[in-house]
């Protein structure tokens, strides 16, 4: 009964904080999109649609913070009403209280995983498609000439990637085993169908020993390792891609001897992120056992806000350092979480034996 009561109080407080954060971040997103209002057909309806479709990604990001703040609020309320004292008098140690709350952390971990894998990748892509279509633009380009991709021994230049992952201005430079340029193929457009790209309005230059022969083809097929799912890396940020798509894209980059650090860091962050709610609860529990002079529930919420900001700063700093210094993606993603887990376990041990 006591464990059910504690978990219920924590879940209720976390959901209250989560709803408040969702409303706050949705408002911030709306105000940011107002700056693009009136570009092309980007009206209020499109702005609301974009913000609504972006919400799953926001929820995925803020669940750990909501768990931290909600846990601080719940533990503060229990301490302020002396319920923690009664619970401890009933034979519950701090470790037992923390263990009983792992189920609450696991509950929010599962929610985080489901939103991050099943909802956010699709909703984020749809949100970007709404904005790109409404503002009559294309996916942002890495260079003025478009995107450059290595495909086996060939190099591919794609001038534009449309929101539906169809391509415009495709230039394929084919090399032989001696890396001698043999063929330059240009197609005005391409769409993926039945396992291959269907190209239209094709102009192909065959580089022979003594001359260059040009062939015009209305339609043709192009077999490539490039897949529409890989275009997600151009439409949405790596952090909002699914684990499967990230893994597929990383393997493609490795096959073509390209840098994968950025995407490997994102992959490990995606794997570790659902575990963070459990860590945040373990971190928050000891704060209920500070002496009352140390502050009430609102002081504990303030400490939670500072801790949440600190976690984001440490996480961002280590991510950038790992990209600069080429650290192991697994360790760079795990360090901030390990720091909070270590601090939480240390404080539980300290108050348990105080």
Protein backbone atom coordinates (compact mmCIF):
# COMPACT_ATOMS: atom_id res chain seq x y z
CA UNK A 1 0.00 0.00 0.00
CA UNK A 2 2.78 2.43 0.92
CA UNK A 3 4.68 1.71 -2.31
CA UNK A 4 1.54 2.23 -4.42
CA UNK A 5 0.87 5.52 -2.63
CA UNK A 6 4.43 6.81 -3.19
CA UNK A 7 4.39 5.83 -6.88
CA UNK A 8 0.97 7.42 -7.36
CA UNK A 9 2.15 10.70 -5.82
CA UNK A 10 5.24 10.75 -8.01
CA UNK A 11 3.36 9.92 -11.24
CA UNK A 12 0.75 12.60 -10.55
CA UNK A 13 3.39 15.27 -9.86
CA UNK A 14 5.41 14.29 -12.93
CA UNK A 15 2.36 14.49 -15.22
CA UNK A 16 1.46 17.93 -13.83
CA UNK A 17 4.98 19.20 -14.53
CA UNK A 18 5.00 17.50 -17.95
CA UNK A 19 1.77 19.21 -19.02
CA UNK A 20 3.14 22.57 -17.90
CA UNK A 21 6.39 22.06 -19.82
CA UNK A 22 4.52 20.94 -22.96
CA UNK A 23 2.41 24.09 -22.89
CA UNK A 24 5.48 26.26 -22.28
CA UNK A 25 7.58 24.77 -25.08
CA UNK A 26 4.62 24.75 -27.50
CA UNK A 27 4.21 28.48 -26.84
CA UNK A 28 7.93 29.09 -27.46
CA UNK A 29 7.77 27.09 -30.71
CA UNK A 30 4.70 29.02 -31.83
CA UNK A 31 6.37 32.38 -31.16
CA UNK A 32 9.45 31.25 -33.08
CA UNK A 33 7.37 30.18 -36.10
CA UNK A 34 5.56 33.53 -36.14
CA UNK A 35 8.74 34.97 -37.67
CA UNK A 36 8.13 32.85 -40.82
CA UNK A 37 4.43 33.72 -41.01
CA UNK A 38 3.48 34.94 -44.48
CA UNK A 39 6.32 33.25 -46.33
CA UNK A 40 4.67 31.57 -49.31
CA UNK A 41 1.50 29.86 -48.05
CA UNK A 42 2.76 29.58 -44.47
CA UNK A 43 -0.28 30.90 -42.60
CA UNK A 44 -1.63 30.47 -39.08
CA UNK A 45 -3.14 27.06 -39.89
CA UNK A 46 0.22 25.79 -41.13
CA UNK A 47 1.98 27.26 -38.07
CA UNK A 48 -0.44 25.48 -35.70
CA UNK A 49 -0.04 22.26 -37.70
CA UNK A 50 3.75 22.51 -37.59
CA UNK A 51 3.80 23.15 -33.81
CA UNK A 52 1.34 20.30 -33.19
CA UNK A 53 3.38 17.84 -35.28
CA UNK A 54 6.55 18.95 -33.47
CA UNK A 55 5.06 18.22 -30.03
CA UNK A 56 6.01 14.51 -29.90
CA UNK A 57 9.65 15.46 -30.41
CA UNK A 58 9.38 18.05 -27.66
CA UNK A 59 7.72 15.58 -25.29
CA UNK A 60 10.47 13.06 -26.01
CA UNK A 61 13.09 15.65 -25.10
CA UNK A 62 11.46 17.01 -21.93
CA UNK A 63 10.24 13.80 -20.25
CA UNK A 64 13.53 13.37 -18.29
CA UNK A 65 13.32 17.00 -17.10
CA UNK A 66 9.64 16.55 -16.18
CA UNK A 67 10.52 13.39 -14.23
CA UNK A 68 13.27 15.26 -12.36
CA UNK A 69 11.10 18.29 -11.49
CA UNK A 70 8.02 16.18 -10.75
CA UNK A 71 10.06 13.92 -8.47
CA UNK A 72 11.48 16.94 -6.66
CA UNK A 73 7.94 18.29 -6.21
CA UNK A 74 6.58 14.96 -4.95
CA UNK A 75 9.44 14.29 -2.53
CA UNK A 76 9.20 17.88 -1.29
CA UNK A 77 5.47 17.54 -0.60
CA UNK A 78 5.97 14.25 1.25
CA UNK A 79 8.75 15.78 3.33
CA UNK A 80 6.77 18.97 4.09
CA UNK A 81 3.76 16.97 5.35
CA UNK A 82 6.05 14.68 7.42
CA UNK A 83 4.82 11.70 5.42
CA UNK A 84 8.41 10.71 4.67
CA UNK A 85 9.07 10.50 8.40
CA UNK A 86 6.03 8.25 8.86
CA UNK A 87 7.09 6.07 5.92
CA UNK A 88 10.59 5.65 7.34
CA UNK A 89 9.10 4.84 10.76
CA UNK A 90 7.16 2.05 9.05
CA UNK A 91 10.45 0.33 8.24
CA UNK A 92 11.16 1.84 4.80
CA UNK A 93 14.79 2.77 4.24
CA UNK A 94 15.81 5.41 1.70
CA UNK A 95 17.16 2.64 -0.54
CA UNK A 96 13.82 0.79 -0.36
CA UNK A 97 11.92 3.97 -1.22
CA UNK A 98 14.21 4.54 -4.21
CA UNK A 99 13.82 0.90 -5.35
CA UNK A 100 10.04 1.11 -5.09
CA UNK A 101 10.08 4.18 -7.36
CA UNK A 102 12.02 2.40 -10.11
CA UNK A 103 8.66 1.20 -11.46
CA UNK A 104 7.61 4.83 -11.94
CA UNK A 105 10.89 5.51 -13.72
CA UNK A 106 10.41 2.42 -15.87
CA UNK A 107 6.89 3.58 -16.77
CA UNK A 108 8.19 6.91 -18.10
CA UNK A 109 11.15 5.16 -19.75
CA UNK A 110 8.76 3.00 -21.79
CA UNK A 111 6.72 6.10 -22.73
CA UNK A 112 9.93 7.85 -23.82
CA UNK A 113 11.04 4.88 -25.92
CA UNK A 114 7.67 4.51 -27.66
CA UNK A 115 7.40 8.21 -28.46
CA UNK A 116 11.01 8.40 -29.64
CA UNK A 117 10.83 5.35 -31.89
CA UNK A 118 7.25 5.14 -33.15
CA UNK A 119 5.91 8.69 -33.16
CA UNK A 120 8.64 11.36 -33.25
CA UNK A 121 10.44 10.30 -36.51
CA UNK A 122 7.19 10.35 -38.51
CA UNK A 123 5.69 13.45 -36.86
CA UNK A 124 8.93 15.42 -37.17
CA UNK A 125 9.25 14.52 -40.84
CA UNK A 126 5.61 15.52 -41.46
CA UNK A 127 6.19 18.79 -39.60
CA UNK A 128 9.16 19.62 -41.82
CA UNK A 129 7.19 18.65 -44.91
CA UNK A 130 4.35 21.01 -43.93
CA UNK A 131 6.77 23.90 -43.48
CA UNK A 132 8.84 23.19 -46.59
CA UNK A 133 5.77 22.78 -48.81
CA UNK A 134 4.07 25.87 -47.40
CA UNK A 135 7.13 28.09 -47.77
CA UNK A 136 7.79 26.72 -51.29
CA UNK A 137 11.34 25.70 -50.37
CA UNK A 138 13.45 22.56 -50.48
CA UNK A 139 15.45 20.67 -47.91
CA UNK A 140 18.42 22.73 -46.73
CA UNK A 141 21.62 22.03 -48.66
CA UNK A 142 25.15 21.39 -47.41
CA UNK A 143 26.77 23.18 -50.38
CA UNK A 144 25.60 25.57 -53.08
CA UNK A 145 25.81 22.67 -55.53
CA UNK A 146 23.60 20.49 -53.29
CA UNK A 147 24.46 17.25 -51.51
CA UNK A 148 27.44 15.04 -52.28
CA UNK A 149 27.21 11.33 -51.45
CA UNK A 150 29.69 8.49 -52.05
CA UNK A 151 27.97 5.42 -53.47
CA UNK A 152 30.46 2.56 -53.85
CA UNK A 153 33.07 3.75 -56.37
CA UNK A 154 30.73 6.45 -57.61
CA UNK A 155 30.08 9.99 -56.44
CA UNK A 156 26.55 11.39 -56.52
CA UNK A 157 25.57 15.05 -56.48
CA UNK A 158 21.92 15.79 -55.66
CA UNK A 159 20.91 19.41 -56.12
CA UNK A 160 17.57 19.26 -54.30
CA UNK A 161 15.83 16.79 -51.99
CA UNK A 162 12.07 17.36 -51.83
CA UNK A 163 9.99 16.69 -48.68
CA UNK A 164 8.68 13.39 -50.11
CA UNK A 165 12.32 12.21 -50.51
CA UNK A 166 12.15 12.54 -54.31
CA UNK A 167 15.21 14.07 -55.95
CA UNK A 168 15.87 16.91 -58.38
CA UNK A 169 19.05 17.52 -60.35
CA UNK A 170 20.84 14.18 -59.97
CA UNK A 171 24.45 13.98 -61.18
CA UNK A 172 26.15 10.56 -61.06
CA UNK A 173 29.90 10.32 -61.61
CA UNK A 174 30.83 6.68 -62.26
CA UNK A 175 34.42 5.49 -61.83
CA UNK A 176 36.00 2.18 -62.77
CA UNK A 177 38.17 0.00 -60.50
CA UNK A 178 41.18 2.26 -61.27
CA UNK A 179 39.13 5.31 -60.21
CA UNK A 180 39.08 6.65 -63.75
CA UNK A 181 35.97 8.65 -64.61
CA UNK A 182 33.96 6.70 -67.19
CA UNK A 183 30.41 8.04 -67.18
CA UNK A 184 28.62 11.24 -66.16
CA UNK A 185 24.88 10.84 -65.87
CA UNK A 186 22.48 13.70 -65.22
CA UNK A 187 18.76 13.30 -64.55
CA UNK A 188 16.31 16.12 -63.91
CA UNK A 189 14.28 14.11 -61.38
CA UNK A 190 14.13 10.76 -59.60
CA UNK A 191 11.77 8.83 -57.37
CA UNK A 192 12.34 5.56 -55.50
CA UNK A 193 10.13 2.66 -56.59
CA UNK A 194 10.45 -1.16 -56.42
CA UNK A 195 13.91 -1.12 -54.89
CA UNK A 196 15.50 1.28 -57.37
CA UNK A 197 15.44 4.90 -58.46
CA UNK A 198 13.30 5.81 -61.46
CA UNK A 199 15.01 8.67 -63.30
CA UNK A 200 13.52 10.97 -65.92
CA UNK A 201 15.01 13.26 -68.60
CA UNK A 202 18.43 11.61 -68.53
CA UNK A 203 21.55 12.87 -70.26
CA UNK A 204 24.50 10.46 -70.17
CA UNK A 205 28.06 11.22 -71.22
CA UNK A 206 30.22 8.16 -71.96
CA UNK A 207 33.92 8.98 -71.67
CA UNK A 208 35.69 6.80 -74.23
CA UNK A 209 39.42 6.67 -74.99
CA UNK A 210 39.25 9.06 -77.93
CA UNK A 211 35.96 10.91 -77.53
CA UNK A 212 32.96 11.68 -75.33
CA UNK A 213 29.65 10.24 -76.46
CA UNK A 214 26.37 11.81 -75.28
CA UNK A 215 23.17 9.78 -74.99
CA UNK A 216 19.73 11.21 -74.25
CA UNK A 217 17.25 8.91 -72.46
CA UNK A 218 13.70 9.81 -71.47
CA UNK A 219 13.39 7.36 -68.57
CA UNK A 220 15.71 4.90 -66.85
CA UNK A 221 16.46 2.96 -63.67
CA UNK A 222 19.34 3.50 -61.28
CA UNK A 223 20.37 0.84 -58.75
CA UNK A 224 22.01 2.39 -55.73
CA UNK A 225 22.66 1.81 -52.04
CA UNK A 226 21.03 5.18 -51.38
CA UNK A 227 17.53 4.76 -49.94
CA UNK A 228 14.72 7.27 -49.25
CA UNK A 229 15.03 6.53 -45.51
CA UNK A 230 18.53 7.99 -45.66
CA UNK A 231 17.01 11.28 -46.76
CA UNK A 232 15.59 11.52 -43.23
CA UNK A 233 19.09 12.55 -42.17
CA UNK A 234 18.68 15.59 -44.41
CA UNK A 235 15.10 16.43 -43.39
CA UNK A 236 15.22 15.89 -39.62
CA UNK A 237 18.04 16.09 -37.06
CA UNK A 238 19.80 12.81 -36.13
CA UNK A 239 18.49 13.06 -32.55
CA UNK A 240 14.92 12.70 -33.83
CA UNK A 241 15.53 9.80 -36.19
CA UNK A 242 14.62 6.28 -35.09
CA UNK A 243 17.32 3.92 -33.85
CA UNK A 244 16.78 1.62 -36.86
CA UNK A 245 17.15 4.47 -39.39
CA UNK A 246 20.24 5.77 -37.61
CA UNK A 247 21.79 2.30 -37.57
CA UNK A 248 21.05 1.83 -41.30
CA UNK A 249 22.47 5.24 -42.19
CA UNK A 250 25.63 4.65 -40.10
CA UNK A 251 26.25 1.31 -41.85
CA UNK A 252 25.83 3.03 -45.22
CA UNK A 253 28.36 5.72 -44.27
CA UNK A 254 30.83 3.11 -42.98
CA UNK A 255 30.47 1.07 -46.18
CA UNK A 256 31.45 4.18 -48.13
CA UNK A 257 34.29 5.12 -45.74
CA UNK A 258 32.60 8.31 -44.53
CA UNK A 259 32.63 9.93 -41.07
CA UNK A 260 29.97 8.54 -38.74
CA UNK A 261 30.83 10.16 -35.37
CA UNK A 262 27.93 12.63 -35.42
CA UNK A 263 25.39 9.89 -36.10
CA UNK A 264 26.97 7.37 -33.73
CA UNK A 265 26.72 9.91 -30.89
CA UNK A 266 23.06 10.46 -31.80
CA UNK A 267 22.49 6.68 -31.89
CA UNK A 268 23.93 6.11 -28.41
CA UNK A 269 22.01 9.10 -27.06
CA UNK A 270 18.83 7.54 -28.47
CA UNK A 271 19.67 4.25 -26.74
CA UNK A 272 20.51 5.89 -23.40
CA UNK A 273 17.76 8.56 -23.38
CA UNK A 274 14.91 6.22 -22.30
CA UNK A 275 16.95 5.16 -19.25
CA UNK A 276 17.32 8.75 -17.98
CA UNK A 277 13.88 8.95 -16.21
CA UNK A 278 14.99 6.13 -13.86
CA UNK A 279 18.27 7.97 -13.17
CA UNK A 280 16.42 11.24 -12.49
CA UNK A 281 14.18 9.59 -9.88
CA UNK A 282 17.20 8.04 -8.12
CA UNK A 283 18.84 11.48 -8.19
CA UNK A 284 15.75 13.24 -6.76
CA UNK A 285 14.85 10.90 -3.88
CA UNK A 286 17.67 11.95 -1.46
CA UNK A 287 16.55 15.60 -1.61
CA UNK A 288 13.50 14.69 0.48
CA UNK A 289 15.78 13.93 3.42
CA UNK A 290 17.49 17.28 3.67
CA UNK A 291 16.79 19.02 6.96
CA UNK A 292 13.71 21.22 6.69
CA UNK A 293 15.91 24.27 7.23
CA UNK A 294 17.41 23.48 3.86
CA UNK A 295 14.17 24.57 2.24
CA UNK A 296 10.70 23.32 1.41
CA UNK A 297 9.26 21.79 -1.75
CA UNK A 298 9.74 24.95 -3.83
CA UNK A 299 13.41 25.07 -2.94
CA UNK A 300 13.70 21.44 -4.04
CA UNK A 301 12.02 22.32 -7.36
CA UNK A 302 14.55 25.14 -7.77
CA UNK A 303 17.36 22.63 -7.13
CA UNK A 304 15.73 20.36 -9.73
CA UNK A 305 15.71 23.17 -12.31
CA UNK A 306 19.39 23.91 -11.67
CA UNK A 307 20.20 20.18 -11.90
CA UNK A 308 18.24 19.87 -15.16
CA UNK A 309 20.02 22.85 -16.69
CA UNK A 310 23.36 21.47 -15.51
CA UNK A 311 22.61 18.11 -17.13
CA UNK A 312 21.82 19.79 -20.47
CA UNK A 313 24.98 21.94 -20.30
CA UNK A 314 27.20 18.94 -19.45
CA UNK A 315 25.53 16.80 -22.14
CA UNK A 316 25.90 19.48 -24.84
CA UNK A 317 29.50 20.26 -23.85
CA UNK A 318 30.58 16.61 -23.89
CA UNK A 319 28.77 16.01 -27.22
CA UNK A 320 30.68 18.85 -28.90
CA UNK A 321 33.98 17.78 -27.34
CA UNK A 322 33.43 14.21 -28.54
CA UNK A 323 32.84 15.42 -32.11
CA UNK A 324 35.95 17.63 -32.01
CA UNK A 325 38.23 15.04 -30.39
CA UNK A 326 36.63 11.95 -31.96
CA UNK A 327 35.90 10.30 -28.59
CA UNK A 328 34.09 6.99 -28.31
CA UNK A 329 30.38 7.82 -28.96
CA UNK A 330 29.22 5.34 -26.31
CA UNK A 331 31.25 6.93 -23.52
CA UNK A 332 30.52 10.52 -24.52
CA UNK A 333 26.78 9.77 -24.45
CA UNK A 334 26.98 7.88 -21.16
CA UNK A 335 29.13 10.26 -19.08
CA UNK A 336 26.40 12.83 -18.11
CA UNK A 337 24.01 10.03 -17.10
CA UNK A 338 26.73 8.28 -15.08
CA UNK A 339 27.50 11.54 -13.25
CA UNK A 340 23.88 11.97 -12.14
CA UNK A 341 23.55 8.29 -11.21
CA UNK A 342 26.74 8.42 -9.14
CA UNK A 343 25.65 11.59 -7.31
CA UNK A 344 22.19 10.11 -6.62
CA UNK A 345 23.56 6.82 -5.26
CA UNK A 346 26.16 8.65 -3.18
CA UNK A 347 23.51 10.88 -1.55
CA UNK A 348 21.23 7.89 -0.87
CA UNK A 349 24.14 6.09 0.80
CA UNK A 350 25.07 9.20 2.78
CA UNK A 351 21.59 9.89 4.15
CA UNK A 352 21.00 6.19 4.80
CA UNK A 353 23.99 6.05 7.13
CA UNK A 354 23.74 9.54 8.57
